[in-house]
Every structure is written in C-alpha cells, then in structure tokens.
N, C-alpha and C. Protein backbone atom coordinates (compact mmCIF):
# COMPACT_ATOMS: atom_id res chain seq x y z
N UNK A 1 3.38 -3.25 -14.89
CA UNK A 1 2.03 -3.48 -14.42
C UNK A 1 1.64 -2.32 -13.50
N UNK A 2 0.45 -1.79 -13.67
CA UNK A 2 -0.07 -0.70 -12.85
C UNK A 2 -1.38 -1.14 -12.22
N UNK A 3 -1.48 -0.98 -10.90
CA UNK A 3 -2.73 -1.27 -10.20
C UNK A 3 -3.08 -0.05 -9.37
N UNK A 4 -4.32 0.39 -9.47
CA UNK A 4 -4.81 1.51 -8.66
C UNK A 4 -5.96 0.98 -7.81
N UNK A 5 -5.84 1.15 -6.49
CA UNK A 5 -6.84 0.63 -5.56
C UNK A 5 -7.44 1.80 -4.80
N UNK A 6 -8.76 1.85 -4.70
CA UNK A 6 -9.41 2.95 -4.00
C UNK A 6 -10.50 2.42 -3.08
N UNK A 7 -10.50 2.87 -1.85
CA UNK A 7 -11.56 2.60 -0.87
C UNK A 7 -11.79 1.12 -0.59
N UNK A 8 -10.75 0.41 -0.21
CA UNK A 8 -10.88 -0.98 0.23
C UNK A 8 -10.24 -1.11 1.60
N UNK A 9 -10.54 -2.19 2.30
CA UNK A 9 -9.98 -2.43 3.62
C UNK A 9 -8.68 -3.22 3.52
N UNK A 10 -7.85 -3.13 4.54
CA UNK A 10 -6.50 -3.69 4.54
C UNK A 10 -6.44 -5.19 4.23
N UNK A 11 -7.27 -6.05 4.82
CA UNK A 11 -7.17 -7.48 4.47
C UNK A 11 -7.34 -7.74 2.97
N UNK A 12 -8.21 -6.99 2.33
CA UNK A 12 -8.40 -7.14 0.88
C UNK A 12 -7.18 -6.66 0.12
N UNK A 13 -6.57 -5.58 0.59
CA UNK A 13 -5.35 -5.06 -0.05
C UNK A 13 -4.24 -6.10 0.04
N UNK A 14 -4.02 -6.66 1.22
CA UNK A 14 -2.97 -7.67 1.39
C UNK A 14 -3.22 -8.91 0.54
N UNK A 15 -4.46 -9.34 0.45
CA UNK A 15 -4.79 -10.51 -0.37
C UNK A 15 -4.48 -10.23 -1.84
N UNK A 16 -4.84 -9.05 -2.31
CA UNK A 16 -4.57 -8.69 -3.70
C UNK A 16 -3.07 -8.60 -3.96
N UNK A 17 -2.34 -7.91 -3.09
CA UNK A 17 -0.91 -7.71 -3.31
C UNK A 17 -0.11 -9.01 -3.23
N UNK A 18 -0.56 -9.95 -2.41
CA UNK A 18 0.15 -11.23 -2.32
C UNK A 18 0.05 -12.01 -3.62
N UNK A 19 -0.96 -11.71 -4.44
CA UNK A 19 -1.12 -12.37 -5.73
C UNK A 19 -0.50 -11.62 -6.89
N UNK A 20 0.22 -10.53 -6.60
CA UNK A 20 0.85 -9.70 -7.63
C UNK A 20 2.34 -9.56 -7.35
N UNK A 21 3.12 -10.63 -7.50
CA UNK A 21 4.53 -10.58 -7.11
C UNK A 21 5.41 -9.70 -7.99
N UNK A 22 4.96 -9.31 -9.19
CA UNK A 22 5.81 -8.49 -10.06
C UNK A 22 5.30 -7.06 -10.23
N UNK A 23 4.37 -6.65 -9.41
CA UNK A 23 3.83 -5.29 -9.51
C UNK A 23 4.96 -4.27 -9.29
N UNK A 24 4.98 -3.21 -10.12
CA UNK A 24 6.02 -2.18 -10.02
C UNK A 24 5.48 -0.82 -9.58
N UNK A 25 4.20 -0.54 -9.84
CA UNK A 25 3.60 0.75 -9.49
C UNK A 25 2.31 0.51 -8.73
N UNK A 26 2.15 1.19 -7.60
CA UNK A 26 0.93 1.03 -6.81
C UNK A 26 0.49 2.38 -6.28
N UNK A 27 -0.73 2.76 -6.60
CA UNK A 27 -1.38 3.96 -6.07
C UNK A 27 -2.46 3.44 -5.13
N UNK A 28 -2.22 3.51 -3.84
CA UNK A 28 -3.05 2.84 -2.84
C UNK A 28 -3.77 3.85 -1.97
N UNK A 29 -5.10 3.83 -2.02
CA UNK A 29 -5.93 4.69 -1.18
C UNK A 29 -6.89 3.77 -0.45
N UNK A 30 -6.78 3.69 0.88
CA UNK A 30 -7.62 2.72 1.58
C UNK A 30 -8.05 3.22 2.94
N UNK A 31 -9.06 2.55 3.49
CA UNK A 31 -9.61 2.83 4.81
C UNK A 31 -9.13 1.75 5.76
N UNK A 32 -8.57 2.15 6.88
CA UNK A 32 -8.09 1.20 7.87
C UNK A 32 -8.93 1.36 9.14
N UNK A 33 -9.48 0.24 9.65
CA UNK A 33 -10.32 0.34 10.85
C UNK A 33 -9.49 0.24 12.13
N UNK A 34 -8.24 -0.14 12.00
CA UNK A 34 -7.33 -0.19 13.14
C UNK A 34 -5.91 -0.02 12.59
N UNK A 35 -4.92 -0.23 13.41
CA UNK A 35 -3.55 -0.14 12.93
C UNK A 35 -3.17 -1.43 12.20
N UNK A 36 -3.86 -1.70 11.11
CA UNK A 36 -3.60 -2.88 10.30
C UNK A 36 -2.25 -2.76 9.61
N UNK A 37 -1.61 -3.89 9.36
CA UNK A 37 -0.32 -3.90 8.68
C UNK A 37 -0.53 -4.18 7.20
N UNK A 38 -0.04 -3.28 6.35
CA UNK A 38 -0.09 -3.45 4.91
C UNK A 38 1.27 -3.98 4.46
N UNK A 39 1.28 -5.12 3.80
CA UNK A 39 2.52 -5.73 3.33
C UNK A 39 2.75 -5.35 1.87
N UNK A 40 3.79 -4.58 1.62
CA UNK A 40 4.09 -4.07 0.28
C UNK A 40 5.07 -5.02 -0.42
N UNK A 41 4.78 -5.43 -1.68
CA UNK A 41 5.67 -6.36 -2.39
C UNK A 41 7.04 -5.74 -2.68
N UNK A 42 8.12 -6.53 -2.62
CA UNK A 42 9.47 -6.00 -2.84
C UNK A 42 9.76 -5.57 -4.27
N UNK A 43 8.92 -5.92 -5.22
CA UNK A 43 9.17 -5.57 -6.62
C UNK A 43 8.79 -4.13 -6.96
N UNK A 44 8.16 -3.41 -6.03
CA UNK A 44 7.67 -2.05 -6.32
C UNK A 44 8.80 -1.08 -6.63
N UNK A 45 8.52 -0.21 -7.61
CA UNK A 45 9.43 0.89 -7.94
C UNK A 45 8.79 2.23 -7.61
N UNK A 46 7.46 2.26 -7.57
CA UNK A 46 6.73 3.51 -7.32
C UNK A 46 5.54 3.20 -6.41
N UNK A 47 5.43 3.95 -5.28
CA UNK A 47 4.36 3.72 -4.32
C UNK A 47 3.76 5.04 -3.86
N UNK A 48 2.44 5.15 -3.98
CA UNK A 48 1.69 6.30 -3.48
C UNK A 48 0.65 5.75 -2.50
N UNK A 49 0.64 6.26 -1.27
CA UNK A 49 -0.26 5.76 -0.23
C UNK A 49 -1.06 6.90 0.36
N UNK A 50 -2.37 6.71 0.46
CA UNK A 50 -3.28 7.68 1.08
C UNK A 50 -4.17 6.90 2.04
N UNK A 51 -4.01 7.15 3.35
CA UNK A 51 -4.79 6.45 4.37
C UNK A 51 -6.01 7.30 4.72
N UNK A 52 -7.20 6.71 4.66
CA UNK A 52 -8.44 7.45 4.89
C UNK A 52 -8.99 7.17 6.28
N UNK A 53 -8.32 7.67 7.31
CA UNK A 53 -8.83 7.57 8.67
C UNK A 53 -8.04 8.51 9.57
N UNK A 54 -8.36 8.52 10.85
CA UNK A 54 -7.68 9.40 11.79
C UNK A 54 -6.61 8.70 12.62
N UNK A 55 -6.47 7.39 12.50
CA UNK A 55 -5.51 6.69 13.35
C UNK A 55 -4.38 6.02 12.58
N UNK A 56 -4.36 6.09 11.26
CA UNK A 56 -3.24 5.60 10.46
C UNK A 56 -3.25 4.12 10.21
N UNK A 57 -2.10 3.62 9.82
CA UNK A 57 -1.90 2.21 9.52
C UNK A 57 -0.41 1.92 9.66
N UNK A 58 -0.06 0.67 9.57
CA UNK A 58 1.33 0.26 9.65
C UNK A 58 1.75 -0.25 8.27
N UNK A 59 2.75 0.37 7.68
CA UNK A 59 3.26 -0.07 6.39
C UNK A 59 4.56 -0.84 6.60
N UNK A 60 4.62 -2.04 6.07
CA UNK A 60 5.84 -2.82 6.12
C UNK A 60 6.51 -2.69 4.77
N UNK A 61 7.62 -1.95 4.73
CA UNK A 61 8.30 -1.67 3.46
C UNK A 61 9.64 -2.40 3.40
N UNK A 62 9.76 -3.33 2.48
CA UNK A 62 11.02 -3.97 2.16
C UNK A 62 11.11 -3.94 0.64
N UNK A 63 11.41 -2.77 0.11
CA UNK A 63 11.36 -2.54 -1.33
C UNK A 63 12.70 -1.97 -1.81
N UNK A 64 13.67 -2.84 -2.07
CA UNK A 64 15.02 -2.40 -2.41
C UNK A 64 15.12 -1.58 -3.69
N UNK A 65 14.19 -1.73 -4.62
CA UNK A 65 14.25 -1.00 -5.89
C UNK A 65 13.31 0.20 -5.94
N UNK A 66 12.75 0.60 -4.78
CA UNK A 66 11.82 1.72 -4.75
C UNK A 66 12.50 3.01 -5.20
N UNK A 67 11.88 3.68 -6.19
CA UNK A 67 12.43 4.91 -6.75
C UNK A 67 11.60 6.13 -6.34
N UNK A 68 10.32 5.93 -6.00
CA UNK A 68 9.43 7.04 -5.66
C UNK A 68 8.49 6.61 -4.55
N UNK A 69 8.33 7.47 -3.52
CA UNK A 69 7.43 7.19 -2.41
C UNK A 69 6.70 8.46 -2.03
N UNK A 70 5.36 8.39 -1.97
CA UNK A 70 4.53 9.52 -1.56
C UNK A 70 3.51 8.97 -0.56
N UNK A 71 3.60 9.41 0.70
CA UNK A 71 2.67 8.97 1.75
C UNK A 71 1.94 10.19 2.27
N UNK A 72 0.60 10.12 2.27
CA UNK A 72 -0.18 11.25 2.78
C UNK A 72 -1.28 10.74 3.69
N UNK A 73 -1.71 11.63 4.59
CA UNK A 73 -2.79 11.34 5.53
C UNK A 73 -2.52 10.09 6.35
N UNK A 74 -1.33 9.96 6.87
CA UNK A 74 -1.01 8.82 7.71
C UNK A 74 -0.48 9.36 9.03
N UNK A 75 -0.85 8.71 10.13
CA UNK A 75 -0.39 9.17 11.44
C UNK A 75 0.68 8.25 11.97
C-alpha cells in the first residue's frame, strides 16, 4: 500500500495513519503549527518526511521493519 500526503496538518495526518495499520510506504509532506507529535505506524518499511515550517515537529518512530528513512526540513 502506498499513501502520499501533501500539505495537511498533523491532527489530520495522525487520524489518517491510525486507520492504516498495514501501510508500508509513506511520503509525508506536512505543515506543523507547533511541535505536534506525528505517530508513525510500526508496519512502515519506507518513510520520507518533509516538514514545511521553521520550528519542526516531533516524530515518534517505533518501526522495527523500517528499511529506508529520509527526513528533510526538520529542526
């Protein structure tokens, strides 16, 4: 399963990801208005994250099968 998310806020991202327990690939580009916590599902094998702000976000990663990680524009 592949999901690509662009220009959404963190609460919407968390709501979507909580309903996708078997997602394996996620290309996530989002705007954070504060240091919101993004909860990443443990089933992920590939994660690309692009934060669109100047203050970053908090990523909670518990992904034992993660094979690829690319994080950009995060403080």
